[in-house]
Amino acid sequence: MSSNGAKVGLWIVIAILALMLFGSFLANVGLTAALVSGGGGSVAGFDQPQDQIPEFTEIWSYGYGDKKVVRIGLQGVIMRGRQERLLGSDPDMVEQILAEIRAATIDEEVEGIILEVDSPGGGVTPSDEIYAALEKFKRVDENRVILVFVRDLCASGGYYASMAGDYIMAEPTAIVGSVGVIMQTMNMKGLGDMIGLSSVTIASGENKDMLNPFEEVNPAHLNMLQTLVDSMQQRFAAIVMDSRGLEDDALLDGRVFSVGQALEENLIDGVGYWEDAVEKMCELLDVDELYLVRYGREMGFLDSLFASKTPHVPTLDLAVDPPRFMYLWKP
């Protein structure tokens, strides 16, 4: 056989093997999906409402004590929505946190939560939902305690949610604060005029087309939105002042603080690392040692496959992302 003929034969074999491998992959995924969606699968096997009474696997995290305390993480931008991947999607972080708080709330053995925060904040409503859920956790049993442990950043909506804490401890290099509301958008009228691009909008009222990026900014619209921002800021400031015992809102103007400054201004209660936070929680619950757990979920084969860090799916939505009211530190 000639050299060229051998090369052609090799490429044919490689192509056949590749097709067989791809076909096997599709068959396995299809079979697994069929098993999961069947009448006896895990989806149909729940014996209670999973959103109302979420079930987690308790993972023993730390300590040998009798008092059960749950570790719950609040990391990243606080926003609802799943991030789609090539296989499956990342979970909705807000729903995950709320489900963990709900599970801790209905567990009569849980006497405390350590909320581990590393967040610049995020959406106004999700931040408030987390705060409200933590407050409910304490209302169910007046002896329960929440300790907030700030890893690196506790700003804006992250700080808002932390106001449910009975004690806030931050690592020495953390940043705290940014009590405020922000709303940002872009106006491209000048660019549109330059390149001959304009918008065609059919609206039901003169205020429906508010902040159209291809129209001149209307001062009346800015005044309306500023009123909304101010009302949201008043709520934020009132919660901080009540939780931290502040006499006025002079420092609640969006600025951030070093840990030393935050401690001096009574925006936090202590400075330390993880072991210090655990020791403080023991003190708050009047015990020598804790039994710390964190929550996890059991995953089947398909869940594990989809949980793999495959690439995010690029969005094909070319529309301008609408502006939002945010409790977000966005320097």
Protein backbone atom coordinates (compact mmCIF):
# COMPACT_ATOMS: atom_id res chain seq x y z
CA MET A 1 0.00 0.00 0.00
CA SER A 2 1.29 3.45 -0.86
CA SER A 3 2.03 6.07 1.82
CA ASN A 4 -0.92 8.19 0.69
CA GLY A 5 -3.24 5.18 0.85
CA ALA A 6 -2.11 4.38 4.40
CA LYS A 7 -2.82 7.96 5.52
CA VAL A 8 -6.31 7.88 3.99
CA GLY A 9 -7.04 4.59 5.74
CA LEU A 10 -5.86 5.99 9.07
CA TRP A 11 -8.13 9.04 8.79
CA ILE A 12 -11.09 6.80 7.93
CA VAL A 13 -10.49 4.70 11.06
CA ILE A 14 -10.21 7.86 13.21
CA ALA A 15 -13.46 9.22 11.76
CA ILE A 16 -15.31 5.95 12.43
CA LEU A 17 -14.04 5.82 16.02
CA ALA A 18 -15.06 9.44 16.59
CA LEU A 19 -18.58 8.77 15.28
CA MET A 20 -18.89 5.68 17.48
CA LEU A 21 -17.75 7.62 20.55
CA PHE A 22 -20.19 10.45 19.87
CA GLY A 23 -23.04 8.01 19.31
CA SER A 24 -22.23 6.22 22.57
CA PHE A 25 -22.27 9.54 24.43
CA LEU A 26 -25.69 10.47 23.03
CA ALA A 27 -27.08 7.03 23.86
CA ASN A 28 -25.87 7.22 27.47
CA VAL A 29 -27.26 10.71 28.00
CA GLY A 30 -30.59 9.73 26.47
CA LEU A 31 -30.84 6.57 28.56
CA THR A 32 -30.03 8.42 31.76
CA ALA A 33 -32.54 11.16 30.98
CA ALA A 34 -35.22 8.51 30.34
CA LEU A 35 -34.49 6.83 33.67
CA VAL A 36 -34.64 10.13 35.56
CA SER A 37 -37.89 11.20 33.91
CA GLY A 38 -39.57 7.84 34.47
CA GLY A 39 -42.40 7.29 36.97
CA GLY A 40 -40.07 5.82 39.62
CA GLY A 41 -37.34 8.44 39.22
CA SER A 42 -36.08 10.82 41.86
CA VAL A 43 -38.22 13.69 40.57
CA ALA A 44 -41.39 11.75 41.36
CA GLY A 45 -39.93 10.31 44.57
CA PHE A 46 -40.23 13.42 46.76
CA ASP A 47 -42.60 12.84 49.67
CA GLN A 48 -42.86 16.53 50.60
CA PRO A 49 -42.88 19.92 48.85
CA GLN A 50 -39.22 20.63 48.13
CA ASP A 51 -39.53 24.42 47.90
CA GLN A 52 -41.49 24.67 51.15
CA ILE A 53 -39.55 22.01 53.06
CA PRO A 54 -36.17 21.69 51.33
CA GLU A 55 -34.09 18.60 51.99
CA PHE A 56 -30.31 18.71 52.17
CA THR A 57 -27.59 16.30 53.10
CA GLU A 58 -25.95 17.56 56.28
CA ILE A 59 -22.18 17.58 55.99
CA TRP A 60 -20.31 17.60 59.28
CA SER A 61 -18.04 20.60 58.91
CA TYR A 62 -16.42 21.54 62.19
CA GLY A 63 -16.38 20.81 65.92
CA TYR A 64 -17.53 18.06 68.26
CA GLY A 65 -20.11 19.91 70.36
CA ASP A 66 -23.81 19.38 70.88
CA LYS A 67 -25.17 22.75 69.72
CA LYS A 68 -25.95 22.53 66.02
CA VAL A 69 -24.99 25.57 63.94
CA VAL A 70 -25.33 25.82 60.15
CA ARG A 71 -22.77 27.47 57.89
CA ILE A 72 -24.39 29.37 55.01
CA GLY A 73 -22.37 31.15 52.34
CA LEU A 74 -23.35 34.47 50.77
CA GLN A 75 -20.79 34.89 47.99
CA GLY A 76 -20.84 36.89 44.79
CA VAL A 77 -23.35 39.28 43.30
CA ILE A 78 -26.80 38.79 44.81
CA MET A 79 -28.95 38.25 41.72
CA ARG A 80 -31.66 35.83 40.75
CA GLY A 81 -31.39 33.67 37.65
CA ARG A 82 -29.57 30.60 36.42
CA GLN A 83 -26.42 30.87 34.33
CA GLU A 84 -26.80 28.49 31.42
CA ARG A 85 -23.91 26.18 30.54
CA LEU A 86 -23.29 23.83 27.64
CA LEU A 87 -24.58 21.02 29.88
CA GLY A 88 -27.15 22.14 32.43
CA SER A 89 -26.90 25.40 34.37
CA ASP A 90 -25.53 26.94 37.54
CA PRO A 91 -28.19 27.12 40.28
CA ASP A 92 -30.01 30.31 41.22
CA MET A 93 -27.82 31.55 44.08
CA VAL A 94 -30.63 33.47 45.79
CA GLU A 95 -32.98 30.48 45.80
CA GLN A 96 -30.15 28.28 47.09
CA ILE A 97 -29.45 30.61 50.02
CA LEU A 98 -33.14 31.03 50.84
CA ALA A 99 -33.64 27.25 50.75
CA GLU A 100 -30.72 26.72 53.15
CA ILE A 101 -32.06 29.36 55.56
CA ARG A 102 -35.53 27.77 55.32
CA ALA A 103 -34.09 24.33 56.08
CA ALA A 104 -32.26 25.72 59.12
CA THR A 105 -35.42 27.52 60.25
CA ILE A 106 -37.62 24.41 60.32
CA ASP A 107 -34.93 22.27 61.97
CA GLU A 108 -35.61 22.61 65.70
CA GLU A 109 -32.11 21.36 66.51
CA VAL A 110 -30.43 24.31 64.78
CA GLU A 111 -29.54 27.00 67.29
CA GLY A 112 -27.50 29.33 65.13
CA ILE A 113 -26.27 30.33 61.68
CA ILE A 114 -22.83 31.52 60.70
CA LEU A 115 -23.40 33.58 57.56
CA GLU A 116 -20.13 33.74 55.62
CA VAL A 117 -20.24 36.87 53.48
CA ASP A 118 -18.06 37.86 50.54
CA SER A 119 -20.32 39.98 48.35
CA PRO A 120 -20.47 43.43 46.73
CA GLY A 121 -24.27 43.30 47.02
CA GLY A 122 -26.71 43.05 44.16
CA GLY A 123 -30.42 43.35 43.53
CA VAL A 124 -32.58 45.32 45.96
CA THR A 125 -35.31 42.71 46.35
CA PRO A 126 -33.06 39.60 46.60
CA SER A 127 -30.98 41.31 49.30
CA ASP A 128 -34.13 42.14 51.23
CA GLU A 129 -35.47 38.59 50.83
CA ILE A 130 -32.32 37.12 52.39
CA TYR A 131 -32.47 39.62 55.25
CA ALA A 132 -36.14 38.81 55.89
CA ALA A 133 -35.49 35.05 55.83
CA LEU A 134 -32.70 35.42 58.41
CA GLU A 135 -34.95 37.53 60.62
CA LYS A 136 -37.62 34.82 60.43
CA PHE A 137 -35.04 32.22 61.48
CA LYS A 138 -34.59 34.12 64.73
CA ARG A 139 -38.27 34.84 65.30
CA VAL A 140 -39.08 31.11 65.34
CA ASP A 141 -36.89 30.74 68.46
CA GLU A 142 -35.76 33.80 70.40
CA ASN A 143 -32.68 31.90 71.63
CA ARG A 144 -31.28 31.48 68.16
CA VAL A 145 -28.22 33.49 67.11
CA ILE A 146 -26.80 34.66 63.78
CA LEU A 147 -23.13 35.53 63.47
CA VAL A 148 -21.96 37.21 60.26
CA PHE A 149 -18.39 36.42 59.26
CA VAL A 150 -17.00 38.71 56.56
CA ARG A 151 -14.29 37.08 54.48
CA ASP A 152 -13.26 39.87 52.12
CA LEU A 153 -16.13 42.16 51.13
CA CYS A 154 -19.44 42.99 52.75
CA ALA A 155 -20.86 45.86 50.75
CA SER A 156 -24.27 47.27 49.90
CA GLY A 157 -26.77 44.38 49.56
CA GLY A 158 -24.33 42.06 51.30
CA TYR A 159 -24.24 44.46 54.24
CA TYR A 160 -28.04 44.84 54.06
CA ALA A 161 -28.53 41.09 54.52
CA SER A 162 -25.95 41.12 57.32
CA MET A 163 -28.12 43.44 59.38
CA ALA A 164 -29.98 40.33 60.57
CA GLY A 165 -26.81 39.31 62.39
CA ASP A 166 -26.47 39.52 66.16
CA TYR A 167 -22.71 39.91 65.78
CA ILE A 168 -20.59 40.89 62.77
CA MET A 169 -16.95 39.82 62.64
CA ALA A 170 -14.71 40.73 59.71
CA GLU A 171 -11.26 39.61 58.68
CA PRO A 172 -8.60 42.32 59.13
CA THR A 173 -8.29 43.10 55.41
CA ALA A 174 -12.01 43.16 54.58
CA ILE A 175 -14.03 46.08 53.17
CA VAL A 176 -17.40 46.97 54.69
CA GLY A 177 -20.23 49.41 53.98
CA SER A 178 -21.47 51.08 50.79
CA VAL A 179 -24.94 51.68 52.21
CA GLY A 180 -26.75 53.04 49.20
CA VAL A 181 -28.75 52.49 46.03
CA ILE A 182 -27.50 52.79 42.47
CA MET A 183 -29.10 52.69 39.04
CA GLN A 184 -27.00 52.98 35.90
CA THR A 185 -27.66 52.99 32.19
CA MET A 186 -26.08 54.35 29.02
CA ASN A 187 -27.31 57.09 26.74
CA MET A 188 -26.23 56.64 23.13
CA LYS A 189 -28.11 59.50 21.51
CA GLY A 190 -24.92 61.24 20.40
CA LEU A 191 -23.51 58.04 18.92
CA GLY A 192 -26.83 57.26 17.24
CA ASP A 193 -26.96 60.71 15.63
CA MET A 194 -23.38 60.29 14.42
CA ILE A 195 -23.95 56.98 12.66
CA GLY A 196 -27.61 57.49 11.71
CA LEU A 197 -29.11 55.12 14.24
CA SER A 198 -32.40 55.91 15.95
CA SER A 199 -35.11 54.11 17.91
CA VAL A 200 -38.71 53.53 16.91
CA THR A 201 -40.84 53.21 20.05
CA ILE A 202 -44.59 52.72 20.31
CA ALA A 203 -45.57 53.34 23.92
CA SER A 204 -48.82 53.75 25.86
CA GLY A 205 -47.74 56.85 27.78
CA GLU A 206 -45.12 59.56 27.94
CA ASN A 207 -43.35 57.82 30.84
CA LYS A 208 -43.38 54.30 29.40
CA ASP A 209 -40.29 54.99 27.30
CA MET A 210 -38.27 56.16 30.28
CA LEU A 211 -34.47 56.15 29.80
CA ASN A 212 -34.61 55.26 26.11
CA PRO A 213 -30.88 55.19 25.28
CA PHE A 214 -31.44 56.79 21.84
CA GLU A 215 -33.42 59.78 23.12
CA GLU A 216 -32.38 62.86 25.09
CA VAL A 217 -32.49 62.32 28.82
CA ASN A 218 -35.72 63.74 30.20
CA PRO A 219 -35.12 65.62 33.51
CA ALA A 220 -38.66 64.75 34.65
CA HIS A 221 -37.84 61.06 34.29
CA LEU A 222 -34.64 61.50 36.28
CA ASN A 223 -36.62 63.16 39.07
CA MET A 224 -39.09 60.25 39.18
CA LEU A 225 -36.32 57.69 39.38
CA GLN A 226 -34.40 59.71 41.96
CA THR A 227 -37.50 59.66 44.17
CA LEU A 228 -37.57 55.86 43.95
CA VAL A 229 -33.86 55.61 44.69
CA ASP A 230 -34.25 57.90 47.71
CA SER A 231 -37.12 55.82 49.12
CA MET A 232 -35.07 52.63 48.80
CA GLN A 233 -32.13 54.34 50.46
CA GLN A 234 -34.34 55.45 53.35
CA ARG A 235 -35.37 51.84 53.97
CA PHE A 236 -31.75 50.64 53.79
CA ALA A 237 -30.51 53.36 56.14
CA ALA A 238 -33.34 52.78 58.61
CA ILE A 239 -32.54 49.06 58.84
CA VAL A 240 -28.83 49.78 59.37
CA MET A 241 -29.49 52.45 61.99
CA ASP A 242 -31.86 50.16 63.89
CA SER A 243 -29.57 47.12 63.71
CA ARG A 244 -26.36 48.95 64.55
CA GLY A 245 -27.81 51.48 66.99
CA LEU A 246 -26.68 54.51 64.99
CA GLU A 247 -28.06 57.92 65.92
CA ASP A 248 -28.06 59.29 62.37
CA ASP A 249 -27.29 58.35 58.77
CA ALA A 250 -24.31 60.65 58.28
CA LEU A 251 -22.01 57.76 57.33
CA LEU A 252 -24.59 55.94 55.22
CA ASP A 253 -23.84 57.78 51.99
CA GLY A 254 -22.39 54.94 49.91
CA ARG A 255 -18.82 55.09 51.19
CA VAL A 256 -16.87 51.96 52.11
CA PHE A 257 -14.77 51.46 55.22
CA SER A 258 -11.72 49.54 56.25
CA VAL A 259 -12.27 47.11 59.10
CA GLY A 260 -10.63 49.49 61.56
CA GLN A 261 -12.91 52.33 60.51
CA ALA A 262 -15.99 50.10 60.50
CA LEU A 263 -15.22 48.90 64.02
CA GLU A 264 -14.70 52.44 65.25
CA GLU A 265 -18.01 53.58 63.73
CA ASN A 266 -19.90 50.56 65.13
CA LEU A 267 -20.65 49.13 61.68
CA ILE A 268 -19.16 45.80 62.82
CA ASP A 269 -18.56 44.21 66.22
CA GLY A 270 -15.22 42.45 65.96
CA VAL A 271 -12.17 41.55 63.89
CA GLY A 272 -10.79 38.07 63.46
CA TYR A 273 -10.41 34.91 61.42
CA TRP A 274 -12.50 31.75 61.15
CA GLU A 275 -11.36 30.26 64.47
CA ASP A 276 -12.19 33.55 66.17
CA ALA A 277 -15.67 33.51 64.64
CA VAL A 278 -16.27 29.96 65.89
CA GLU A 279 -15.03 30.94 69.35
CA LYS A 280 -17.34 33.95 69.38
CA MET A 281 -20.31 31.81 68.34
CA CYS A 282 -19.54 29.49 71.25
CA GLU A 283 -19.60 32.49 73.53
CA LEU A 284 -22.93 33.71 72.12
CA LEU A 285 -24.51 30.28 72.65
CA ASP A 286 -22.75 29.77 76.00
CA VAL A 287 -21.06 26.50 75.07
CA ASP A 288 -17.49 25.23 74.91
CA GLU A 289 -17.78 23.70 71.43
CA LEU A 290 -20.13 23.67 68.45
CA TYR A 291 -21.38 21.07 66.01
CA LEU A 292 -21.11 22.90 62.68
CA VAL A 293 -22.75 21.56 59.53
CA ARG A 294 -23.15 22.78 55.99
CA TYR A 295 -25.77 21.72 53.49
CA GLY A 296 -25.28 19.71 50.31
CA ARG A 297 -27.52 17.88 47.88
CA GLU A 298 -27.21 14.32 46.67
CA MET A 299 -26.67 14.19 42.92
CA GLY A 300 -27.37 11.42 40.46
CA PHE A 301 -25.29 10.70 37.40
CA LEU A 302 -27.05 13.23 35.20
CA ASP A 303 -26.86 15.93 37.89
CA SER A 304 -23.15 15.26 38.30
CA LEU A 305 -22.66 15.43 34.55
CA PHE A 306 -24.50 18.74 34.31
CA ALA A 307 -22.68 20.12 37.36
CA SER A 308 -19.36 19.84 35.56
CA LYS A 309 -17.83 23.18 34.75
CA THR A 310 -18.67 23.24 31.07
CA PRO A 311 -18.49 26.57 29.20
CA HIS A 312 -21.26 29.12 29.61
CA VAL A 313 -23.66 29.37 26.70
CA PRO A 314 -23.27 32.79 25.02
CA THR A 315 -26.48 34.79 24.87
CA LEU A 316 -27.92 35.76 21.51
CA ASP A 317 -30.08 38.51 23.02
CA LEU A 318 -28.76 41.74 21.55
CA ALA A 319 -31.17 43.98 23.44
CA VAL A 320 -29.72 46.46 25.90
CA ASP A 321 -29.89 45.07 29.42
CA PRO A 322 -32.54 47.13 31.24
CA PRO A 323 -31.34 49.29 34.13
CA ARG A 324 -32.05 47.99 37.63
CA PHE A 325 -32.23 49.43 41.11
CA MET A 326 -29.30 47.86 42.93
CA TYR A 327 -27.84 47.61 46.41
CA LEU A 328 -24.43 47.17 44.79
CA TRP A 329 -20.93 48.50 45.31
CA LYS A 330 -19.77 49.16 41.77
CA PRO A 331 -16.60 51.25 41.78
